[in-house]
Amino acid sequence: MAWMQGTKSFVLREGEIQAALGFLSWWDEIDESAHWQRGIYYTLCVCYASVSLVALVQLVRIQLRVPEYGWTTQKLFHLMNFIVNGLRALLFALYKSVFLIKPQVLAMVLMDLPGLLFFSTYTLLVLFWAEIYHQARSLPVDKLRPAYFASNGFMYFTQVCIWIFIRLGRSPVSVKAAKLFFSGWLCHRNLLCLLLDKMFCACSCRSGQGCRY
């Protein structure tokens, strides 16, 4: 009797596992569907192009309002946002051609470059707020920009070393290492965005304007 109950429980669990796998099979269908991929890539292209256009409009508005200040940190931020999102929109629009580029490392350079520029863009935003904080506290700001350039230089140097390793190695291990590094980029980018959102919200609340989000 106990053996029959155990067998029945095992069959039920196996059925639940198969049902769960069947539910998750939708991703395989999307991954293998050229129609779905085309729709997703073009949708992302439109989204990134829209963000790029907004950044360009903001840059033009600031330039027309205060042209006498030259290239400030705020203007550079909007310019880099325009470049990053415009480049991503272009890559998504031409995704078929990008995937066919040979050698493979050149395609990886094109796909990884927006991520590097994104890092530079939002560390520039961190630099902007760090300078405001230091000036409000009457603290020296002479070490902030060197720290910005040093951190960006380190990340670019690391990425270039990975590209060279992939080009010279030509092995699946090097490609997996590059994908792992890119995954780290994604995690860092999301955490950085969340941190900046909290920082902006805190600054707005302390200034008495309320939270913007």
N, C-alpha and C. Protein backbone atom coordinates (compact mmCIF):
# COMPACT_ATOMS: atom_id res chain seq x y z
N MET A 1 0.83 -1.21 0.00
CA MET A 1 0.00 0.00 0.00
C MET A 1 0.86 1.26 0.00
N ALA A 2 1.86 1.26 0.87
CA ALA A 2 2.77 2.40 0.93
C ALA A 2 3.52 2.56 -0.38
N TRP A 3 3.87 1.38 -0.99
CA TRP A 3 4.60 1.43 -2.27
C TRP A 3 3.74 2.06 -3.36
N MET A 4 2.44 1.75 -3.38
CA MET A 4 1.53 2.31 -4.37
C MET A 4 1.36 3.82 -4.17
N GLN A 5 1.29 4.25 -2.91
CA GLN A 5 1.16 5.67 -2.64
C GLN A 5 2.42 6.43 -3.07
N GLY A 6 3.59 5.82 -2.81
CA GLY A 6 4.83 6.44 -3.24
C GLY A 6 4.92 6.55 -4.74
N THR A 7 4.49 5.48 -5.44
CA THR A 7 4.51 5.51 -6.91
C THR A 7 3.57 6.59 -7.44
N LYS A 8 2.38 6.69 -6.83
CA LYS A 8 1.41 7.70 -7.26
C LYS A 8 1.96 9.11 -7.03
N SER A 9 2.61 9.32 -5.89
CA SER A 9 3.20 10.62 -5.60
C SER A 9 4.29 10.96 -6.60
N PHE A 10 5.11 9.95 -6.96
CA PHE A 10 6.17 10.17 -7.93
C PHE A 10 5.60 10.54 -9.30
N VAL A 11 4.52 9.85 -9.70
CA VAL A 11 3.89 10.13 -10.99
C VAL A 11 3.31 11.54 -11.01
N LEU A 12 2.69 11.95 -9.88
CA LEU A 12 2.14 13.30 -9.81
C LEU A 12 3.23 14.36 -9.90
N ARG A 13 4.35 14.13 -9.21
CA ARG A 13 5.45 15.09 -9.27
C ARG A 13 6.04 15.16 -10.66
N GLU A 14 6.18 14.00 -11.31
CA GLU A 14 6.70 13.99 -12.67
C GLU A 14 5.76 14.75 -13.61
N GLY A 15 4.44 14.57 -13.39
CA GLY A 15 3.48 15.30 -14.21
C GLY A 15 3.56 16.80 -13.98
N GLU A 16 3.78 17.22 -12.72
CA GLU A 16 3.92 18.65 -12.43
C GLU A 16 5.16 19.22 -13.09
N ILE A 17 6.25 18.45 -13.07
CA ILE A 17 7.48 18.92 -13.70
C ILE A 17 7.29 19.07 -15.20
N GLN A 18 6.66 18.09 -15.83
CA GLN A 18 6.41 18.17 -17.26
C GLN A 18 5.50 19.34 -17.61
N ALA A 19 4.50 19.60 -16.74
CA ALA A 19 3.61 20.74 -16.99
C ALA A 19 4.37 22.06 -16.89
N ALA A 20 5.29 22.13 -15.89
CA ALA A 20 6.08 23.35 -15.74
C ALA A 20 7.00 23.55 -16.93
N LEU A 21 7.62 22.46 -17.40
CA LEU A 21 8.49 22.56 -18.57
C LEU A 21 7.69 22.94 -19.81
N GLY A 22 6.49 22.41 -19.91
CA GLY A 22 5.64 22.78 -21.04
C GLY A 22 5.24 24.24 -21.00
N PHE A 23 5.02 24.77 -19.79
CA PHE A 23 4.68 26.18 -19.65
C PHE A 23 5.85 27.07 -20.05
N LEU A 24 7.08 26.62 -19.73
CA LEU A 24 8.27 27.40 -20.06
C LEU A 24 8.70 27.24 -21.51
N SER A 25 8.08 26.35 -22.25
CA SER A 25 8.48 26.12 -23.64
C SER A 25 8.14 27.30 -24.54
N TRP A 26 7.36 28.27 -24.04
CA TRP A 26 7.03 29.43 -24.86
C TRP A 26 8.28 30.20 -25.26
N TRP A 27 9.30 30.17 -24.37
CA TRP A 27 10.54 30.87 -24.70
C TRP A 27 11.24 30.21 -25.88
N ASP A 28 11.23 28.88 -25.92
CA ASP A 28 11.84 28.17 -27.04
C ASP A 28 11.12 28.50 -28.35
N GLU A 29 9.80 28.61 -28.28
CA GLU A 29 9.05 28.96 -29.48
C GLU A 29 9.40 30.36 -29.97
N ILE A 30 9.53 31.30 -29.03
CA ILE A 30 9.91 32.66 -29.42
C ILE A 30 11.33 32.70 -29.95
N ASP A 31 12.23 31.94 -29.30
CA ASP A 31 13.64 31.94 -29.70
C ASP A 31 13.83 31.35 -31.09
N GLU A 32 12.97 30.44 -31.47
CA GLU A 32 13.10 29.79 -32.78
C GLU A 32 12.25 30.44 -33.85
N SER A 33 11.46 31.43 -33.49
CA SER A 33 10.56 32.08 -34.44
C SER A 33 11.21 33.33 -35.02
N ALA A 34 11.41 33.36 -36.32
CA ALA A 34 11.97 34.54 -36.97
C ALA A 34 11.01 35.72 -36.89
N HIS A 35 9.71 35.43 -36.93
CA HIS A 35 8.70 36.50 -36.85
C HIS A 35 8.76 37.19 -35.49
N TRP A 36 8.83 36.41 -34.41
CA TRP A 36 8.93 36.99 -33.08
C TRP A 36 10.22 37.79 -32.91
N GLN A 37 11.33 37.24 -33.38
CA GLN A 37 12.62 37.92 -33.24
C GLN A 37 12.61 39.25 -33.99
N ARG A 38 12.06 39.24 -35.19
CA ARG A 38 12.01 40.48 -35.96
C ARG A 38 11.17 41.53 -35.24
N GLY A 39 10.02 41.11 -34.70
CA GLY A 39 9.17 42.04 -33.97
C GLY A 39 9.84 42.60 -32.72
N ILE A 40 10.53 41.73 -31.98
CA ILE A 40 11.20 42.17 -30.75
C ILE A 40 12.33 43.14 -31.06
N TYR A 41 13.16 42.80 -32.05
CA TYR A 41 14.30 43.67 -32.39
C TYR A 41 13.83 45.03 -32.90
N TYR A 42 12.81 45.05 -33.73
CA TYR A 42 12.32 46.32 -34.26
C TYR A 42 11.61 47.14 -33.19
N THR A 43 10.95 46.47 -32.25
CA THR A 43 10.34 47.19 -31.13
C THR A 43 11.40 47.84 -30.26
N LEU A 44 12.48 47.10 -29.98
CA LEU A 44 13.59 47.67 -29.22
C LEU A 44 14.23 48.82 -29.98
N CYS A 45 14.31 48.68 -31.30
CA CYS A 45 14.87 49.76 -32.13
C CYS A 45 14.06 51.04 -31.97
N VAL A 46 12.74 50.93 -32.03
CA VAL A 46 11.88 52.10 -31.88
C VAL A 46 12.01 52.71 -30.48
N CYS A 47 12.08 51.86 -29.46
CA CYS A 47 12.20 52.36 -28.08
C CYS A 47 13.50 53.12 -27.88
N TYR A 48 14.62 52.53 -28.31
CA TYR A 48 15.90 53.21 -28.15
C TYR A 48 15.99 54.46 -29.00
N ALA A 49 15.41 54.43 -30.20
CA ALA A 49 15.40 55.62 -31.04
C ALA A 49 14.60 56.75 -30.39
N SER A 50 13.51 56.41 -29.73
CA SER A 50 12.70 57.42 -29.04
C SER A 50 13.47 58.06 -27.90
N VAL A 51 14.17 57.23 -27.11
CA VAL A 51 14.98 57.77 -26.00
C VAL A 51 16.10 58.64 -26.55
N SER A 52 16.71 58.20 -27.65
CA SER A 52 17.78 58.99 -28.27
C SER A 52 17.25 60.34 -28.76
N LEU A 53 16.06 60.34 -29.34
CA LEU A 53 15.46 61.59 -29.81
C LEU A 53 15.16 62.53 -28.65
N VAL A 54 14.66 61.99 -27.55
CA VAL A 54 14.38 62.81 -26.36
C VAL A 54 15.67 63.44 -25.84
N ALA A 55 16.75 62.66 -25.81
CA ALA A 55 18.04 63.19 -25.34
C ALA A 55 18.53 64.30 -26.26
N LEU A 56 18.35 64.13 -27.58
CA LEU A 56 18.77 65.16 -28.53
C LEU A 56 17.95 66.44 -28.34
N VAL A 57 16.65 66.30 -28.15
CA VAL A 57 15.80 67.47 -27.92
C VAL A 57 16.22 68.20 -26.65
N GLN A 58 16.51 67.46 -25.59
CA GLN A 58 16.96 68.08 -24.35
C GLN A 58 18.28 68.82 -24.54
N LEU A 59 19.18 68.21 -25.30
CA LEU A 59 20.47 68.84 -25.56
C LEU A 59 20.29 70.15 -26.32
N VAL A 60 19.44 70.14 -27.33
CA VAL A 60 19.20 71.35 -28.12
C VAL A 60 18.54 72.43 -27.26
N ARG A 61 17.59 72.05 -26.43
CA ARG A 61 16.91 73.02 -25.56
C ARG A 61 17.89 73.68 -24.59
N ILE A 62 18.76 72.88 -24.00
CA ILE A 62 19.74 73.44 -23.05
C ILE A 62 20.72 74.35 -23.78
N GLN A 63 21.15 73.94 -24.97
CA GLN A 63 22.09 74.75 -25.73
C GLN A 63 21.48 76.08 -26.14
N LEU A 64 20.20 76.08 -26.51
CA LEU A 64 19.54 77.33 -26.89
C LEU A 64 19.28 78.22 -25.68
N ARG A 65 19.07 77.61 -24.52
CA ARG A 65 18.77 78.39 -23.32
C ARG A 65 20.02 79.02 -22.72
N VAL A 66 21.11 78.26 -22.65
CA VAL A 66 22.35 78.78 -22.05
C VAL A 66 23.54 78.45 -22.97
N PRO A 67 23.63 79.10 -24.12
CA PRO A 67 24.74 78.78 -25.03
C PRO A 67 26.09 79.29 -24.55
N GLU A 68 26.08 80.24 -23.62
CA GLU A 68 27.34 80.86 -23.20
C GLU A 68 28.17 79.99 -22.28
N TYR A 69 27.61 78.89 -21.73
CA TYR A 69 28.34 78.06 -20.78
C TYR A 69 29.19 76.98 -21.44
N GLY A 70 29.08 76.82 -22.73
CA GLY A 70 29.88 75.79 -23.40
C GLY A 70 29.38 74.39 -23.09
N TRP A 71 30.32 73.43 -23.16
CA TRP A 71 29.95 72.02 -22.93
C TRP A 71 30.05 71.69 -21.45
N THR A 72 28.92 71.79 -20.78
CA THR A 72 28.85 71.46 -19.36
C THR A 72 28.65 69.95 -19.19
N THR A 73 28.72 69.49 -17.94
CA THR A 73 28.50 68.07 -17.65
C THR A 73 27.10 67.63 -18.05
N GLN A 74 26.12 68.50 -17.85
CA GLN A 74 24.74 68.18 -18.21
C GLN A 74 24.59 68.00 -19.72
N LYS A 75 25.22 68.87 -20.49
CA LYS A 75 25.16 68.75 -21.95
C LYS A 75 25.86 67.49 -22.43
N LEU A 76 27.01 67.19 -21.83
CA LEU A 76 27.73 65.97 -22.20
C LEU A 76 26.91 64.73 -21.89
N PHE A 77 26.17 64.76 -20.78
CA PHE A 77 25.33 63.62 -20.41
C PHE A 77 24.25 63.37 -21.47
N HIS A 78 23.58 64.42 -21.89
CA HIS A 78 22.53 64.26 -22.91
C HIS A 78 23.13 63.85 -24.26
N LEU A 79 24.31 64.38 -24.58
CA LEU A 79 24.96 63.99 -25.82
C LEU A 79 25.32 62.52 -25.82
N MET A 80 25.89 62.04 -24.72
CA MET A 80 26.26 60.63 -24.64
C MET A 80 25.02 59.73 -24.61
N ASN A 81 23.94 60.21 -23.98
CA ASN A 81 22.68 59.46 -24.01
C ASN A 81 22.17 59.33 -25.44
N PHE A 82 22.28 60.41 -26.19
CA PHE A 82 21.86 60.39 -27.59
C PHE A 82 22.70 59.40 -28.40
N ILE A 83 24.00 59.39 -28.18
CA ILE A 83 24.88 58.49 -28.92
C ILE A 83 24.64 57.03 -28.54
N VAL A 84 24.55 56.75 -27.23
CA VAL A 84 24.36 55.37 -26.76
C VAL A 84 23.07 54.78 -27.29
N ASN A 85 21.97 55.49 -27.09
CA ASN A 85 20.67 54.95 -27.51
C ASN A 85 20.52 54.95 -29.02
N GLY A 86 21.11 55.93 -29.69
CA GLY A 86 21.08 55.92 -31.15
C GLY A 86 21.85 54.75 -31.73
N LEU A 87 23.00 54.45 -31.12
CA LEU A 87 23.79 53.31 -31.58
C LEU A 87 23.06 52.00 -31.33
N ARG A 88 22.43 51.87 -30.19
CA ARG A 88 21.65 50.65 -29.91
C ARG A 88 20.49 50.52 -30.89
N ALA A 89 19.80 51.61 -31.18
CA ALA A 89 18.70 51.56 -32.14
C ALA A 89 19.20 51.12 -33.52
N LEU A 90 20.37 51.62 -33.92
CA LEU A 90 20.93 51.23 -35.21
C LEU A 90 21.30 49.75 -35.24
N LEU A 91 21.88 49.25 -34.15
CA LEU A 91 22.25 47.84 -34.09
C LEU A 91 21.02 46.94 -34.12
N PHE A 92 19.96 47.32 -33.42
CA PHE A 92 18.74 46.52 -33.45
C PHE A 92 18.06 46.58 -34.82
N ALA A 93 18.16 47.72 -35.49
CA ALA A 93 17.55 47.83 -36.82
C ALA A 93 18.29 46.98 -37.85
N LEU A 94 19.61 46.84 -37.67
CA LEU A 94 20.44 46.08 -38.62
C LEU A 94 20.93 44.78 -37.99
N TYR A 95 20.11 44.17 -37.14
CA TYR A 95 20.56 43.00 -36.37
C TYR A 95 20.98 41.84 -37.27
N LYS A 96 20.31 41.65 -38.41
CA LYS A 96 20.68 40.56 -39.30
C LYS A 96 22.08 40.75 -39.86
N SER A 97 22.40 41.96 -40.26
CA SER A 97 23.74 42.24 -40.79
C SER A 97 24.80 42.16 -39.71
N VAL A 98 24.45 42.59 -38.49
CA VAL A 98 25.42 42.55 -37.38
C VAL A 98 25.79 41.12 -37.04
N PHE A 99 24.80 40.21 -37.02
CA PHE A 99 25.07 38.82 -36.67
C PHE A 99 25.92 38.11 -37.73
N LEU A 100 25.95 38.64 -38.95
CA LEU A 100 26.70 38.00 -40.03
C LEU A 100 28.11 38.57 -40.20
N ILE A 101 28.48 39.55 -39.38
CA ILE A 101 29.79 40.17 -39.50
C ILE A 101 30.88 39.17 -39.13
N LYS A 102 31.91 39.12 -39.94
CA LYS A 102 33.08 38.28 -39.68
C LYS A 102 34.31 39.17 -39.65
N PRO A 103 35.26 38.91 -38.72
CA PRO A 103 35.24 37.88 -37.69
C PRO A 103 34.23 38.18 -36.58
N GLN A 104 33.96 37.16 -35.78
CA GLN A 104 32.94 37.27 -34.73
C GLN A 104 33.30 38.33 -33.70
N VAL A 105 34.59 38.52 -33.46
CA VAL A 105 35.00 39.49 -32.45
C VAL A 105 34.58 40.90 -32.85
N LEU A 106 34.54 41.19 -34.16
CA LEU A 106 34.11 42.51 -34.61
C LEU A 106 32.63 42.74 -34.31
N ALA A 107 31.83 41.70 -34.49
CA ALA A 107 30.41 41.80 -34.12
C ALA A 107 30.26 42.01 -32.62
N MET A 108 31.09 41.34 -31.83
CA MET A 108 31.03 41.51 -30.37
C MET A 108 31.44 42.92 -29.97
N VAL A 109 32.41 43.50 -30.69
CA VAL A 109 32.82 44.88 -30.40
C VAL A 109 31.65 45.83 -30.62
N LEU A 110 30.95 45.64 -31.74
CA LEU A 110 29.81 46.51 -32.04
C LEU A 110 28.69 46.36 -31.01
N MET A 111 28.47 45.14 -30.55
CA MET A 111 27.38 44.91 -29.59
C MET A 111 27.77 45.33 -28.17
N ASP A 112 29.06 45.26 -27.84
CA ASP A 112 29.50 45.62 -26.48
C ASP A 112 29.77 47.11 -26.33
N LEU A 113 30.04 47.80 -27.45
CA LEU A 113 30.39 49.22 -27.37
C LEU A 113 29.30 50.07 -26.72
N PRO A 114 28.01 49.88 -27.05
CA PRO A 114 26.99 50.67 -26.35
C PRO A 114 26.98 50.46 -24.84
N GLY A 115 27.30 49.24 -24.39
CA GLY A 115 27.37 48.99 -22.96
C GLY A 115 28.48 49.78 -22.29
N LEU A 116 29.63 49.87 -22.96
CA LEU A 116 30.73 50.65 -22.43
C LEU A 116 30.38 52.14 -22.38
N LEU A 117 29.77 52.62 -23.46
CA LEU A 117 29.37 54.02 -23.48
C LEU A 117 28.29 54.31 -22.44
N PHE A 118 27.44 53.32 -22.21
CA PHE A 118 26.42 53.48 -21.16
C PHE A 118 27.08 53.64 -19.80
N PHE A 119 28.10 52.85 -19.54
CA PHE A 119 28.84 52.96 -18.28
C PHE A 119 29.44 54.36 -18.14
N SER A 120 30.05 54.86 -19.21
CA SER A 120 30.64 56.20 -19.16
C SER A 120 29.57 57.27 -18.95
N THR A 121 28.40 57.07 -19.57
CA THR A 121 27.32 58.05 -19.46
C THR A 121 26.83 58.19 -18.03
N TYR A 122 26.57 57.07 -17.38
CA TYR A 122 25.97 57.14 -16.05
C TYR A 122 27.00 57.32 -14.94
N THR A 123 28.25 56.98 -15.19
CA THR A 123 29.28 57.40 -14.23
C THR A 123 29.52 58.90 -14.35
N LEU A 124 29.28 59.46 -15.54
CA LEU A 124 29.33 60.91 -15.68
C LEU A 124 28.22 61.57 -14.86
N LEU A 125 27.05 60.94 -14.82
CA LEU A 125 25.97 61.45 -13.98
C LEU A 125 26.33 61.36 -12.50
N VAL A 126 26.97 60.27 -12.12
CA VAL A 126 27.45 60.15 -10.73
C VAL A 126 28.47 61.24 -10.42
N LEU A 127 29.36 61.51 -11.38
CA LEU A 127 30.34 62.58 -11.21
C LEU A 127 29.65 63.93 -11.02
N PHE A 128 28.60 64.16 -11.80
CA PHE A 128 27.86 65.42 -11.72
C PHE A 128 27.29 65.63 -10.31
N TRP A 129 26.65 64.60 -9.76
CA TRP A 129 26.07 64.72 -8.43
C TRP A 129 27.15 64.73 -7.34
N ALA A 130 28.24 64.05 -7.58
CA ALA A 130 29.34 64.08 -6.61
C ALA A 130 29.95 65.48 -6.53
N GLU A 131 30.08 66.15 -7.67
CA GLU A 131 30.61 67.51 -7.67
C GLU A 131 29.66 68.47 -6.93
N ILE A 132 28.35 68.29 -7.16
CA ILE A 132 27.38 69.14 -6.45
C ILE A 132 27.47 68.92 -4.94
N TYR A 133 27.57 67.65 -4.54
CA TYR A 133 27.66 67.33 -3.11
C TYR A 133 28.92 67.92 -2.49
N HIS A 134 30.06 67.75 -3.17
CA HIS A 134 31.32 68.26 -2.63
C HIS A 134 31.32 69.79 -2.56
N GLN A 135 30.75 70.44 -3.56
CA GLN A 135 30.69 71.89 -3.54
C GLN A 135 29.77 72.40 -2.44
N ALA A 136 28.66 71.68 -2.20
CA ALA A 136 27.74 72.08 -1.13
C ALA A 136 28.38 71.92 0.24
N ARG A 137 29.27 70.93 0.38
CA ARG A 137 29.95 70.68 1.65
C ARG A 137 31.30 71.38 1.74
N SER A 138 31.61 72.19 0.73
CA SER A 138 32.91 72.89 0.67
C SER A 138 34.08 71.91 0.72
N LEU A 139 33.92 70.80 0.02
CA LEU A 139 34.96 69.79 -0.06
C LEU A 139 35.70 69.92 -1.39
N PRO A 140 36.96 69.49 -1.45
CA PRO A 140 37.71 69.58 -2.71
C PRO A 140 37.12 68.66 -3.78
N VAL A 141 37.12 69.14 -5.01
CA VAL A 141 36.56 68.37 -6.13
C VAL A 141 37.64 67.98 -7.15
N ASP A 142 38.90 68.30 -6.84
CA ASP A 142 39.95 68.08 -7.83
C ASP A 142 40.23 66.60 -8.09
N LYS A 143 39.82 65.70 -7.18
CA LYS A 143 40.10 64.27 -7.37
C LYS A 143 38.94 63.52 -8.02
N LEU A 144 37.81 64.18 -8.23
CA LEU A 144 36.64 63.48 -8.75
C LEU A 144 36.80 63.13 -10.23
N ARG A 145 37.21 64.10 -11.02
CA ARG A 145 37.36 63.83 -12.46
C ARG A 145 38.46 62.81 -12.74
N PRO A 146 39.64 62.89 -12.08
CA PRO A 146 40.62 61.81 -12.28
C PRO A 146 40.08 60.43 -11.92
N ALA A 147 39.25 60.35 -10.87
CA ALA A 147 38.65 59.07 -10.51
C ALA A 147 37.70 58.59 -11.59
N TYR A 148 36.96 59.52 -12.19
CA TYR A 148 36.05 59.17 -13.29
C TYR A 148 36.82 58.61 -14.47
N PHE A 149 37.87 59.30 -14.87
CA PHE A 149 38.66 58.84 -16.02
C PHE A 149 39.39 57.53 -15.71
N ALA A 150 39.85 57.37 -14.47
CA ALA A 150 40.57 56.15 -14.11
C ALA A 150 39.63 54.94 -14.13
N SER A 151 38.43 55.09 -13.57
CA SER A 151 37.49 53.96 -13.56
C SER A 151 37.05 53.59 -14.97
N ASN A 152 36.79 54.59 -15.80
CA ASN A 152 36.41 54.31 -17.18
C ASN A 152 37.56 53.70 -17.97
N GLY A 153 38.77 54.22 -17.74
CA GLY A 153 39.92 53.65 -18.43
C GLY A 153 40.15 52.20 -18.07
N PHE A 154 39.95 51.86 -16.80
CA PHE A 154 40.11 50.47 -16.37
C PHE A 154 39.10 49.56 -17.05
N MET A 155 37.83 49.98 -17.11
CA MET A 155 36.80 49.16 -17.72
C MET A 155 37.02 48.99 -19.21
N TYR A 156 37.42 50.07 -19.89
CA TYR A 156 37.70 49.97 -21.32
C TYR A 156 38.90 49.07 -21.58
N PHE A 157 39.92 49.21 -20.76
CA PHE A 157 41.11 48.37 -20.92
C PHE A 157 40.77 46.90 -20.72
N THR A 158 39.96 46.60 -19.71
CA THR A 158 39.55 45.21 -19.47
C THR A 158 38.77 44.65 -20.65
N GLN A 159 37.86 45.45 -21.19
CA GLN A 159 37.06 44.98 -22.32
C GLN A 159 37.92 44.77 -23.56
N VAL A 160 38.87 45.66 -23.80
CA VAL A 160 39.77 45.50 -24.95
C VAL A 160 40.61 44.24 -24.80
N CYS A 161 41.08 43.96 -23.59
CA CYS A 161 41.84 42.72 -23.35
C CYS A 161 40.99 41.49 -23.65
N ILE A 162 39.71 41.53 -23.29
CA ILE A 162 38.81 40.40 -23.59
C ILE A 162 38.64 40.24 -25.09
N TRP A 163 38.49 41.34 -25.80
CA TRP A 163 38.35 41.26 -27.26
C TRP A 163 39.61 40.66 -27.90
N ILE A 164 40.77 41.10 -27.43
CA ILE A 164 42.03 40.56 -27.96
C ILE A 164 42.15 39.08 -27.64
N PHE A 165 41.77 38.69 -26.43
CA PHE A 165 41.81 37.28 -26.03
C PHE A 165 40.91 36.43 -26.91
N ILE A 166 39.73 36.95 -27.23
CA ILE A 166 38.80 36.21 -28.10
C ILE A 166 39.37 36.10 -29.51
N ARG A 167 39.96 37.19 -29.99
CA ARG A 167 40.51 37.18 -31.36
C ARG A 167 41.68 36.22 -31.49
N LEU A 168 42.52 36.17 -30.48
CA LEU A 168 43.68 35.29 -30.55
C LEU A 168 43.35 33.86 -30.16
N GLY A 169 42.44 33.70 -29.20
CA GLY A 169 42.11 32.37 -28.71
C GLY A 169 41.24 31.58 -29.66
N ARG A 170 40.16 32.21 -30.15
CA ARG A 170 39.23 31.56 -31.07
C ARG A 170 38.69 30.24 -30.50
N SER A 171 38.36 30.27 -29.23
CA SER A 171 37.84 29.07 -28.59
C SER A 171 36.50 29.38 -27.93
N PRO A 172 35.66 28.36 -27.73
CA PRO A 172 34.37 28.60 -27.05
C PRO A 172 34.52 29.14 -25.64
N VAL A 173 35.65 28.81 -24.99
CA VAL A 173 35.86 29.29 -23.62
C VAL A 173 35.98 30.82 -23.61
N SER A 174 36.71 31.37 -24.58
CA SER A 174 36.87 32.82 -24.62
C SER A 174 35.54 33.52 -24.90
N VAL A 175 34.72 32.93 -25.75
CA VAL A 175 33.40 33.50 -26.03
C VAL A 175 32.53 33.48 -24.79
N LYS A 176 32.58 32.36 -24.04
CA LYS A 176 31.80 32.27 -22.80
C LYS A 176 32.29 33.30 -21.78
N ALA A 177 33.60 33.52 -21.73
CA ALA A 177 34.14 34.53 -20.81
C ALA A 177 33.62 35.92 -21.17
N ALA A 178 33.55 36.20 -22.47
CA ALA A 178 33.03 37.50 -22.90
C ALA A 178 31.56 37.64 -22.54
N LYS A 179 30.79 36.56 -22.72
CA LYS A 179 29.37 36.61 -22.37
C LYS A 179 29.18 36.80 -20.87
N LEU A 180 30.06 36.17 -20.07
CA LEU A 180 29.98 36.33 -18.62
C LEU A 180 30.28 37.77 -18.23
N PHE A 181 31.27 38.37 -18.88
CA PHE A 181 31.61 39.76 -18.59
C PHE A 181 30.46 40.68 -18.99
N PHE A 182 29.82 40.38 -20.14
CA PHE A 182 28.68 41.18 -20.58
C PHE A 182 27.51 41.05 -19.62
N SER A 183 27.30 39.84 -19.08
CA SER A 183 26.24 39.65 -18.09
C SER A 183 26.51 40.48 -16.84
N GLY A 184 27.78 40.56 -16.47
CA GLY A 184 28.14 41.42 -15.35
C GLY A 184 27.83 42.88 -15.63
N TRP A 185 28.04 43.29 -16.90
CA TRP A 185 27.68 44.64 -17.32
C TRP A 185 26.20 44.90 -17.09
N LEU A 186 25.36 43.94 -17.49
CA LEU A 186 23.91 44.10 -17.35
C LEU A 186 23.51 44.24 -15.89
N CYS A 187 24.08 43.38 -15.03
CA CYS A 187 23.76 43.46 -13.60
C CYS A 187 24.21 44.80 -13.02
N HIS A 188 25.43 45.22 -13.38
CA HIS A 188 25.94 46.49 -12.87
C HIS A 188 25.08 47.65 -13.36
N ARG A 189 24.65 47.59 -14.63
CA ARG A 189 23.84 48.67 -15.17
C ARG A 189 22.52 48.80 -14.44
N ASN A 190 21.87 47.68 -14.19
CA ASN A 190 20.58 47.72 -13.49
C ASN A 190 20.74 48.23 -12.05
N LEU A 191 21.79 47.77 -11.37
CA LEU A 191 22.02 48.24 -10.00
C LEU A 191 22.35 49.73 -9.97
N LEU A 192 23.11 50.18 -10.98
CA LEU A 192 23.46 51.60 -11.04
C LEU A 192 22.22 52.46 -11.27
N CYS A 193 21.33 52.00 -12.15
CA CYS A 193 20.09 52.75 -12.40
C CYS A 193 19.23 52.83 -11.15
N LEU A 194 19.11 51.71 -10.43
CA LEU A 194 18.33 51.72 -9.19
C LEU A 194 18.94 52.66 -8.15
N LEU A 195 20.27 52.64 -8.06
CA LEU A 195 20.95 53.51 -7.10
C LEU A 195 20.72 54.98 -7.44
N LEU A 196 20.80 55.31 -8.73
CA LEU A 196 20.59 56.70 -9.15
C LEU A 196 19.15 57.13 -8.93
N ASP A 197 18.21 56.23 -9.18
CA ASP A 197 16.80 56.56 -8.93
C ASP A 197 16.57 56.90 -7.46
N LYS A 198 17.14 56.08 -6.56
CA LYS A 198 16.98 56.34 -5.13
C LYS A 198 17.65 57.65 -4.73
N MET A 199 18.81 57.93 -5.35
CA MET A 199 19.53 59.15 -5.01
C MET A 199 18.76 60.38 -5.46
N PHE A 200 18.19 60.34 -6.68
CA PHE A 200 17.41 61.47 -7.16
C PHE A 200 16.17 61.69 -6.31
N CYS A 201 15.53 60.58 -5.93
CA CYS A 201 14.32 60.68 -5.10
C CYS A 201 14.65 61.30 -3.75
N ALA A 202 15.76 60.87 -3.15
CA ALA A 202 16.16 61.39 -1.84
C ALA A 202 16.51 62.88 -1.93
N CYS A 203 17.20 63.26 -3.01
CA CYS A 203 17.57 64.67 -3.17
C CYS A 203 16.33 65.54 -3.37
N SER A 204 15.36 65.05 -4.13
CA SER A 204 14.14 65.82 -4.37
C SER A 204 13.33 65.97 -3.09
N CYS A 205 13.25 64.89 -2.31
CA CYS A 205 12.49 64.95 -1.05
C CYS A 205 13.14 65.89 -0.05
N ARG A 206 14.46 65.87 0.02
CA ARG A 206 15.15 66.73 0.98
C ARG A 206 15.06 68.20 0.60
N SER A 207 14.96 68.45 -0.71
CA SER A 207 14.86 69.84 -1.15
C SER A 207 13.45 70.40 -0.99
N GLY A 208 12.50 69.53 -0.55
CA GLY A 208 11.13 69.98 -0.32
C GLY A 208 10.26 69.96 -1.55
N GLN A 209 10.77 69.38 -2.68
CA GLN A 209 10.01 69.34 -3.92
C GLN A 209 9.22 68.05 -4.05
N GLY A 210 9.46 67.11 -3.14
CA GLY A 210 8.76 65.83 -3.25
C GLY A 210 9.50 64.90 -4.19
N CYS A 211 9.17 63.65 -4.12
CA CYS A 211 9.83 62.64 -4.94
C CYS A 211 9.33 62.74 -6.37
N ARG A 212 10.25 62.64 -7.33
CA ARG A 212 9.88 62.77 -8.74
C ARG A 212 9.37 61.47 -9.30
N TYR A 213 9.52 60.35 -8.60
CA TYR A 213 9.19 59.05 -9.17
C TYR A 213 7.96 58.48 -8.50
